[in-house]
Amino acid sequence: MGSLRCLLALAVAGGHAASMFGFGGAWIFPGREAVQVFYIISGFLIAMILNQKYADTHHGNWIFYSNRIAKIFVPYVVILAATVGACLVSRAVTGNAILLNAWFTEAVSMDFSTSAFALLTNIFIVGQEWGFLLIYRAGSLFLALNAFAEPPMESQFTVILPAWTLSIELLFYVIAPFILRRSVVLIVALAAASHGLRFAAYHFGYYSEATNYRFFPFELSLFLYGAVIFRLGKLLIPSDPRWCTRIAVVTAVTIIVLPRLFKGSQYELYALIGLALPALFDFGRRHGWDTLLGELSYPLYLVHWVVCVFLASALDPRWAGKNPAFPVFAVLASVAAAALLDRYIVAPIDKWRQARVTTADTLPVLAVARVSAVP
């Protein structure tokens, strides 16, 4: 499963890099689909750790919540602080604040509620997805379903733009202990309700670029689908490990090749990938390199935006769309930055988190090291 997560993170990074350097289209796998597959994986892994790692007690839930907060926020805050510092240095030296330009341009005009919302969502992540439903006008914010068609939006003030998906993740973590340990029938019913709500809302005209994968009540069904797959896991893992390897290969090919065949019906693609998750997890448990790749996915997902924006800002605009080596180099630079972050920030935090899961009020730690539900 680690290689799948890494491949999806590369798809998001590559798509953003291609766009920033003047090349259109998806890279490996469309960004929206990659994010929604991440939601399914998250539901699978969070269901697993809640049922196998953390006891269903107040203390067990506290360890779960605090470990998730550490996992999400420590790397995020480190990257955010470094990014803000680099932008301030860039402005002092060149006059270009890069990811902070909108802040410097609009600082005088922003009213208190706008600046407070923008500042707090950048620091605490929760609420960032609403930046795509809020248009910015003369210092104030206004709710607009089709905000993408009426820029500028509040999201222009988000420094690490892809982090909005972490807000969706965090909302899921809040409710997960109260749902994922319950009857699979209840989980299926809630998933069906969420999925039905999505398409009922779309039927009545509430579809937009902001609601197609950025609205938690709609995305909840994908998390819960992953949780249901975990509960059915024993039925979906082949007895012969060689079949797990074959499923891993087929899934990789599916990610790269088949999205074009499922255009307009991506939920069928999600259903197929979801069914492969137990076998992919078993494959990763048997191959350490798969786990290592998975460990890069979260820091890569976070840091690629900053790396790509800084490199693109240094490129002469006349070169935009001319040389595909530029986005490839940006992705490779992002992978290198992610590897450093994993070694010096993420890995020590994970070691500390795992050490906390040793009390009598928690279940035995999973055999797979550093299992994580975030990209």
Protein backbone atom coordinates (compact mmCIF):
# COMPACT_ATOMS: atom_id res chain seq x y z
CA MET A 1 0.00 0.00 0.00
CA GLY A 2 2.96 2.31 0.59
CA SER A 3 3.89 2.33 -3.08
CA LEU A 4 0.29 3.19 -3.98
CA ARG A 5 0.31 6.14 -1.61
CA CYS A 6 3.66 7.32 -2.98
CA LEU A 7 2.40 6.99 -6.55
CA LEU A 8 -0.67 9.07 -5.72
CA ALA A 9 1.46 11.75 -4.03
CA LEU A 10 3.68 11.83 -7.12
CA ALA A 11 0.56 12.24 -9.25
CA VAL A 12 -0.52 15.30 -7.26
CA ALA A 13 3.00 16.76 -7.23
CA GLY A 14 3.47 16.11 -10.94
CA GLY A 15 0.14 17.64 -11.84
CA HIS A 16 0.90 20.81 -9.91
CA ALA A 17 4.44 21.02 -11.30
CA ALA A 18 3.24 20.56 -14.87
CA SER A 19 0.68 23.34 -14.43
CA MET A 20 3.15 25.74 -12.85
CA PHE A 21 5.65 25.27 -15.68
CA GLY A 22 3.09 25.76 -18.41
CA PHE A 23 2.11 22.18 -19.21
CA GLY A 24 -1.54 21.19 -18.94
CA GLY A 25 -3.19 17.88 -18.14
CA ALA A 26 -2.81 15.25 -15.44
CA TRP A 27 0.51 13.61 -14.63
CA ILE A 28 0.25 9.85 -13.96
CA PHE A 29 -3.21 10.16 -12.38
CA PRO A 30 -5.71 13.06 -12.18
CA GLY A 31 -5.39 15.12 -9.00
CA ARG A 32 -9.01 14.87 -7.91
CA GLU A 33 -9.01 11.09 -8.27
CA ALA A 34 -5.69 10.83 -6.43
CA VAL A 35 -7.07 12.82 -3.48
CA GLN A 36 -10.26 10.77 -3.30
CA VAL A 37 -8.32 7.49 -3.40
CA PHE A 38 -6.31 8.90 -0.50
CA TYR A 39 -9.59 9.33 1.39
CA ILE A 40 -10.41 5.65 0.83
CA ILE A 41 -6.95 4.58 2.01
CA SER A 42 -7.30 6.81 5.06
CA GLY A 43 -10.61 5.19 5.98
CA PHE A 44 -9.03 1.74 5.66
CA LEU A 45 -5.97 2.57 7.78
CA ILE A 46 -7.81 4.54 10.47
CA ALA A 47 -10.33 1.70 10.84
CA MET A 48 -7.41 -0.68 11.20
CA ILE A 49 -5.56 1.24 13.89
CA LEU A 50 -8.73 2.03 15.85
CA ASN A 51 -9.73 -1.62 15.90
CA GLN A 52 -6.26 -3.12 16.39
CA LYS A 53 -4.10 -0.50 18.08
CA TYR A 54 -6.09 1.91 20.28
CA ALA A 55 -8.45 0.72 23.00
CA ASP A 56 -12.02 1.95 22.99
CA THR A 57 -11.57 4.01 26.16
CA HIS A 58 -11.19 7.70 26.96
CA HIS A 59 -7.44 7.29 27.32
CA GLY A 60 -7.14 5.21 24.14
CA ASN A 61 -9.05 7.85 22.19
CA TRP A 62 -6.89 10.60 23.68
CA ILE A 63 -3.73 8.82 22.51
CA PHE A 64 -5.30 8.39 19.06
CA TYR A 65 -6.24 12.08 18.76
CA SER A 66 -2.95 13.42 20.08
CA ASN A 67 -0.92 11.07 17.89
CA ARG A 68 -2.89 12.14 14.82
CA ILE A 69 -2.38 15.80 15.69
CA ALA A 70 1.37 15.27 16.04
CA LYS A 71 1.51 13.34 12.77
CA ILE A 72 -0.31 16.04 10.83
CA PHE A 73 0.82 19.28 12.45
CA VAL A 74 4.53 18.93 13.24
CA PRO A 75 5.68 18.53 9.61
CA TYR A 76 3.08 21.05 8.47
CA VAL A 77 4.16 23.74 10.92
CA VAL A 78 7.84 23.18 10.11
CA ILE A 79 7.19 23.58 6.38
CA LEU A 80 4.86 26.55 6.93
CA ALA A 81 7.39 28.39 9.10
CA ALA A 82 10.23 27.71 6.65
CA THR A 83 8.06 28.84 3.73
CA VAL A 84 7.00 32.08 5.40
CA GLY A 85 10.63 32.81 6.31
CA ALA A 86 11.83 32.14 2.76
CA CYS A 87 9.06 34.33 1.31
CA LEU A 88 10.00 37.20 3.61
CA VAL A 89 13.66 36.89 2.62
CA SER A 90 12.67 36.82 -1.05
CA ARG A 91 10.60 39.97 -0.65
CA ALA A 92 13.43 41.77 1.12
CA VAL A 93 15.93 40.80 -1.59
CA THR A 94 13.87 40.80 -4.80
CA GLY A 95 10.56 42.46 -3.90
CA ASN A 96 8.70 39.23 -4.71
CA ALA A 97 7.04 37.64 -1.66
CA ILE A 98 6.02 34.62 -3.79
CA LEU A 99 3.42 32.75 -1.70
CA LEU A 100 2.78 35.80 0.50
CA ASN A 101 2.16 38.31 -2.31
CA ALA A 102 -1.61 38.27 -1.74
CA TRP A 103 -1.08 39.00 1.95
CA PHE A 104 1.13 42.02 1.27
CA THR A 105 -1.15 43.30 -1.49
CA GLU A 106 -4.38 43.04 0.51
CA ALA A 107 -3.18 43.49 4.11
CA VAL A 108 -4.44 47.06 4.37
CA SER A 109 -7.83 46.24 2.81
CA MET A 110 -8.68 43.04 4.71
CA ASP A 111 -11.29 43.40 7.44
CA PHE A 112 -10.77 41.69 10.79
CA SER A 113 -12.90 38.63 10.12
CA THR A 114 -11.19 37.98 6.78
CA SER A 115 -7.68 38.33 8.14
CA ALA A 116 -8.56 36.23 11.20
CA PHE A 117 -10.06 33.45 9.07
CA ALA A 118 -7.10 33.44 6.69
CA LEU A 119 -4.54 33.48 9.50
CA LEU A 120 -6.22 30.83 11.65
CA THR A 121 -6.85 28.43 8.78
CA ASN A 122 -3.22 28.71 7.71
CA ILE A 123 -2.07 27.85 11.23
CA PHE A 124 -4.67 25.28 12.29
CA ILE A 125 -5.53 23.86 8.81
CA VAL A 126 -9.21 23.17 9.64
CA GLY A 127 -11.42 25.27 7.39
CA GLN A 128 -8.96 25.65 4.51
CA GLU A 129 -11.30 23.85 2.11
CA TRP A 130 -13.86 26.63 2.65
CA GLY A 131 -11.44 29.01 0.95
CA PHE A 132 -12.72 27.56 -2.34
CA LEU A 133 -16.31 28.52 -1.47
CA LEU A 134 -15.52 32.09 -0.41
CA ILE A 135 -14.94 34.93 -2.84
CA TYR A 136 -12.83 37.89 -1.79
CA ARG A 137 -14.17 41.39 -2.47
CA ALA A 138 -12.75 44.65 -1.12
CA GLY A 139 -11.40 43.06 2.03
CA SER A 140 -14.41 40.89 2.84
CA LEU A 141 -15.44 37.29 2.19
CA PHE A 142 -18.72 36.11 0.66
CA LEU A 143 -20.04 32.59 0.27
CA ALA A 144 -20.37 31.54 -3.38
CA LEU A 145 -21.03 28.05 -4.69
CA ASN A 146 -19.22 28.85 -7.94
CA ALA A 147 -16.37 30.76 -6.37
CA PHE A 148 -13.92 29.24 -8.87
CA ALA A 149 -15.70 31.14 -11.64
CA GLU A 150 -15.62 34.39 -9.65
CA PRO A 151 -12.01 34.95 -8.51
CA PRO A 152 -10.30 36.09 -6.43
CA MET A 153 -11.10 33.56 -3.72
CA GLU A 154 -10.06 33.36 -0.09
CA SER A 155 -7.76 30.46 -1.03
CA GLN A 156 -5.27 32.98 -2.43
CA PHE A 157 -4.22 33.54 1.20
CA THR A 158 -3.48 29.85 1.84
CA VAL A 159 0.29 29.41 1.90
CA ILE A 160 0.49 25.62 1.46
CA LEU A 161 -2.50 25.23 -0.81
CA PRO A 162 -2.76 21.38 -0.98
CA ALA A 163 -3.11 21.28 2.81
CA TRP A 164 -6.86 21.83 2.47
CA THR A 165 -7.21 18.05 2.12
CA LEU A 166 -5.73 17.72 5.62
CA SER A 167 -8.70 19.68 6.92
CA ILE A 168 -10.99 16.99 5.48
CA GLU A 169 -8.77 14.33 7.09
CA LEU A 170 -8.89 16.04 10.47
CA LEU A 171 -12.68 16.25 10.41
CA PHE A 172 -12.79 12.53 9.71
CA TYR A 173 -10.43 11.82 12.62
CA VAL A 174 -12.77 13.68 14.99
CA ILE A 175 -15.68 11.32 14.34
CA ALA A 176 -13.76 8.14 13.47
CA PRO A 177 -13.54 6.62 17.00
CA PHE A 178 -17.30 6.89 17.38
CA ILE A 179 -18.11 5.21 14.05
CA LEU A 180 -15.39 2.84 12.90
CA ARG A 181 -15.62 0.50 15.89
CA ARG A 182 -19.35 0.06 15.41
CA SER A 183 -21.36 -2.41 13.35
CA VAL A 184 -20.39 -2.67 9.71
CA VAL A 185 -24.08 -2.26 8.90
CA LEU A 186 -24.03 1.19 10.53
CA ILE A 187 -20.88 2.14 8.61
CA VAL A 188 -22.45 1.04 5.32
CA ALA A 189 -25.63 2.97 6.12
CA LEU A 190 -23.71 6.16 6.86
CA ALA A 191 -21.63 5.73 3.70
CA ALA A 192 -24.79 5.28 1.64
CA ALA A 193 -26.34 8.36 3.25
CA SER A 194 -23.26 10.47 2.48
CA HIS A 195 -23.12 9.21 -1.10
CA GLY A 196 -26.83 9.83 -1.55
CA LEU A 197 -26.50 13.34 -0.12
CA ARG A 198 -23.77 14.11 -2.65
CA PHE A 199 -25.84 13.20 -5.69
CA ALA A 200 -29.06 14.67 -4.31
CA ALA A 201 -27.22 17.97 -3.84
CA TYR A 202 -25.78 17.75 -7.34
CA HIS A 203 -29.25 17.02 -8.73
CA PHE A 204 -30.58 20.21 -7.16
CA GLY A 205 -27.76 22.32 -8.61
CA TYR A 206 -25.20 22.33 -5.83
CA TYR A 207 -22.37 20.92 -7.91
CA SER A 208 -19.29 23.07 -8.37
CA GLU A 209 -15.52 22.79 -8.49
CA ALA A 210 -15.60 23.47 -4.75
CA THR A 211 -18.03 20.68 -3.87
CA ASN A 212 -16.81 17.90 -6.14
CA TYR A 213 -14.15 16.78 -3.63
CA ARG A 214 -13.74 19.56 -1.09
CA PHE A 215 -16.93 19.19 0.99
CA PHE A 216 -16.59 16.83 3.96
CA PRO A 217 -20.20 15.55 4.19
CA PHE A 218 -19.87 14.32 0.58
CA GLU A 219 -16.37 12.87 0.99
CA LEU A 220 -17.29 10.96 4.16
CA SER A 221 -18.65 8.11 2.03
CA LEU A 222 -15.17 7.47 0.59
CA PHE A 223 -13.55 7.27 4.03
CA LEU A 224 -16.29 4.91 5.18
CA TYR A 225 -15.93 2.77 2.06
CA GLY A 226 -12.30 2.25 3.03
CA ALA A 227 -13.39 1.33 6.55
CA VAL A 228 -15.85 -1.25 5.20
CA ILE A 229 -13.11 -2.76 3.04
CA PHE A 230 -10.96 -3.13 6.16
CA ARG A 231 -13.77 -4.97 7.94
CA LEU A 232 -14.03 -7.33 4.96
CA GLY A 233 -10.27 -7.61 4.69
CA LYS A 234 -9.85 -11.30 5.54
CA LEU A 235 -12.16 -12.20 2.69
CA LEU A 236 -10.16 -10.12 0.21
CA ILE A 237 -6.59 -11.24 0.97
CA PRO A 238 -5.47 -14.15 -1.23
CA SER A 239 -4.02 -17.13 0.62
CA ASP A 240 -1.12 -17.22 -1.82
CA PRO A 241 1.19 -14.18 -1.29
CA ARG A 242 2.10 -14.26 -4.97
CA TRP A 243 -1.41 -13.10 -5.77
CA CYS A 244 -0.90 -10.05 -3.55
CA THR A 245 2.14 -9.19 -5.68
CA ARG A 246 0.09 -9.58 -8.85
CA ILE A 247 -2.66 -7.39 -7.44
CA ALA A 248 -0.07 -4.74 -6.54
CA VAL A 249 1.23 -4.74 -10.12
CA VAL A 250 -2.25 -4.59 -11.60
CA THR A 251 -3.19 -1.73 -9.27
CA ALA A 252 -0.10 0.26 -10.33
CA VAL A 253 -1.03 -0.26 -13.98
CA THR A 254 -4.61 0.73 -13.21
CA ILE A 255 -3.49 3.97 -11.58
CA ILE A 256 -1.37 4.90 -14.58
CA VAL A 257 -3.45 3.60 -17.50
CA LEU A 258 -7.11 3.09 -16.64
CA PRO A 259 -8.31 6.50 -15.35
CA ARG A 260 -8.91 7.54 -18.96
CA LEU A 261 -11.22 4.56 -19.40
CA PHE A 262 -13.19 5.54 -16.28
CA LYS A 263 -13.59 9.19 -17.21
CA GLY A 264 -16.96 10.34 -15.90
CA SER A 265 -17.39 7.22 -13.75
CA GLN A 266 -14.53 7.50 -11.31
CA TYR A 267 -16.48 5.82 -8.51
CA GLU A 268 -16.28 2.54 -10.39
CA LEU A 269 -12.51 2.98 -10.43
CA TYR A 270 -12.55 3.73 -6.69
CA ALA A 271 -14.56 0.57 -6.06
CA LEU A 272 -11.94 -1.55 -7.84
CA ILE A 273 -8.99 0.10 -6.07
CA GLY A 274 -10.74 -0.24 -2.71
CA LEU A 275 -11.20 -3.97 -3.17
CA ALA A 276 -7.44 -4.29 -3.72
CA LEU A 277 -6.44 -2.51 -0.48
CA PRO A 278 -6.29 -5.57 1.83
CA ALA A 279 -4.01 -7.39 -0.63
CA LEU A 280 -1.90 -4.24 -1.05
CA PHE A 281 -1.52 -3.91 2.70
CA ASP A 282 -0.48 -7.54 2.97
CA PHE A 283 2.02 -6.97 0.13
CA GLY A 284 3.49 -3.96 1.96
CA ARG A 285 3.75 -5.93 5.19
CA ARG A 286 5.98 -8.44 3.38
CA HIS A 287 8.17 -5.89 1.57
CA GLY A 288 10.02 -3.22 3.54
CA TRP A 289 10.69 -1.07 0.48
CA ASP A 290 6.94 -0.60 0.05
CA THR A 291 6.72 0.82 3.56
CA LEU A 292 9.66 3.15 2.85
CA LEU A 293 7.91 4.53 -0.21
CA GLY A 294 4.74 5.08 1.78
CA GLU A 295 6.66 7.06 4.37
CA LEU A 296 7.59 9.62 1.71
CA SER A 297 4.01 10.28 0.65
CA TYR A 298 2.96 12.73 3.37
CA PRO A 299 6.09 14.95 3.37
CA LEU A 300 6.06 14.86 -0.46
CA TYR A 301 2.41 15.88 -0.54
CA LEU A 302 3.13 18.84 1.74
CA VAL A 303 6.48 20.10 0.48
CA HIS A 304 6.04 19.75 -3.29
CA TRP A 305 3.84 22.84 -3.51
CA VAL A 306 6.47 25.07 -1.94
CA VAL A 307 9.36 23.60 -3.93
CA CYS A 308 7.50 23.85 -7.23
CA VAL A 309 6.26 27.41 -6.64
CA PHE A 310 9.73 28.65 -5.70
CA LEU A 311 11.36 26.99 -8.72
CA ALA A 312 8.64 28.21 -11.08
CA SER A 313 8.97 31.78 -9.76
CA ALA A 314 12.68 31.70 -10.63
CA LEU A 315 12.02 30.60 -14.22
CA ASP A 316 11.98 33.11 -17.05
CA PRO A 317 8.33 33.24 -18.24
CA ARG A 318 9.53 32.81 -21.83
CA TRP A 319 10.45 29.23 -20.96
CA ALA A 320 6.95 28.31 -19.76
CA GLY A 321 5.65 25.25 -21.58
CA LYS A 322 8.89 24.83 -23.53
CA ASN A 323 10.92 22.18 -21.69
CA PRO A 324 9.27 19.25 -19.85
CA ALA A 325 12.52 18.76 -17.93
CA PHE A 326 11.54 21.68 -15.68
CA PRO A 327 8.51 20.04 -14.01
CA VAL A 328 10.36 16.72 -13.82
CA PHE A 329 13.25 18.43 -12.03
CA ALA A 330 10.78 20.15 -9.68
CA VAL A 331 9.22 16.81 -8.75
CA LEU A 332 12.64 15.24 -8.18
CA ALA A 333 13.63 18.18 -6.00
CA SER A 334 10.39 17.73 -4.06
CA VAL A 335 11.15 14.03 -3.53
CA ALA A 336 14.62 14.94 -2.20
CA ALA A 337 13.11 17.53 0.16
CA ALA A 338 10.51 14.96 1.29
CA ALA A 339 13.23 12.42 2.04
CA LEU A 340 15.05 14.94 4.25
CA LEU A 341 11.82 15.87 6.02
CA ASP A 342 10.99 12.23 6.60
CA ARG A 343 14.39 11.47 8.09
CA TYR A 344 14.77 14.49 10.34
CA ILE A 345 11.18 15.49 11.17
CA VAL A 346 8.60 12.80 10.40
CA ALA A 347 10.56 9.70 11.51
CA PRO A 348 11.48 11.08 14.97
CA ILE A 349 7.87 12.15 15.50
CA ASP A 350 6.64 8.71 14.46
CA LYS A 351 9.08 7.06 16.86
CA TRP A 352 7.75 9.23 19.69
CA ARG A 353 4.14 8.50 18.69
CA GLN A 354 4.69 4.75 18.67
CA ALA A 355 6.41 4.90 22.06
CA ARG A 356 3.22 6.40 23.50
CA VAL A 357 1.18 3.36 22.43
CA THR A 358 2.58 1.15 25.19
CA THR A 359 0.20 1.58 28.09
CA ALA A 360 -2.22 -1.00 29.44
CA ASP A 361 -5.04 1.13 28.06
CA THR A 362 -4.08 0.49 24.44
CA LEU A 363 -4.04 -2.58 22.25
CA PRO A 364 -0.84 -4.19 20.95
CA VAL A 365 1.01 -2.08 18.37
CA LEU A 366 0.59 -3.12 14.74
CA ALA A 367 3.38 -5.13 13.21
CA VAL A 368 3.78 -2.71 10.30
CA ALA A 369 6.02 0.19 11.29
CA ARG A 370 4.91 3.79 10.97
CA VAL A 371 1.52 3.02 9.49
CA SER A 372 -0.09 6.30 8.55
CA ALA A 373 -3.38 7.38 7.03
CA VAL A 374 -2.23 10.67 5.57
CA PRO A 375 -0.69 10.94 2.10
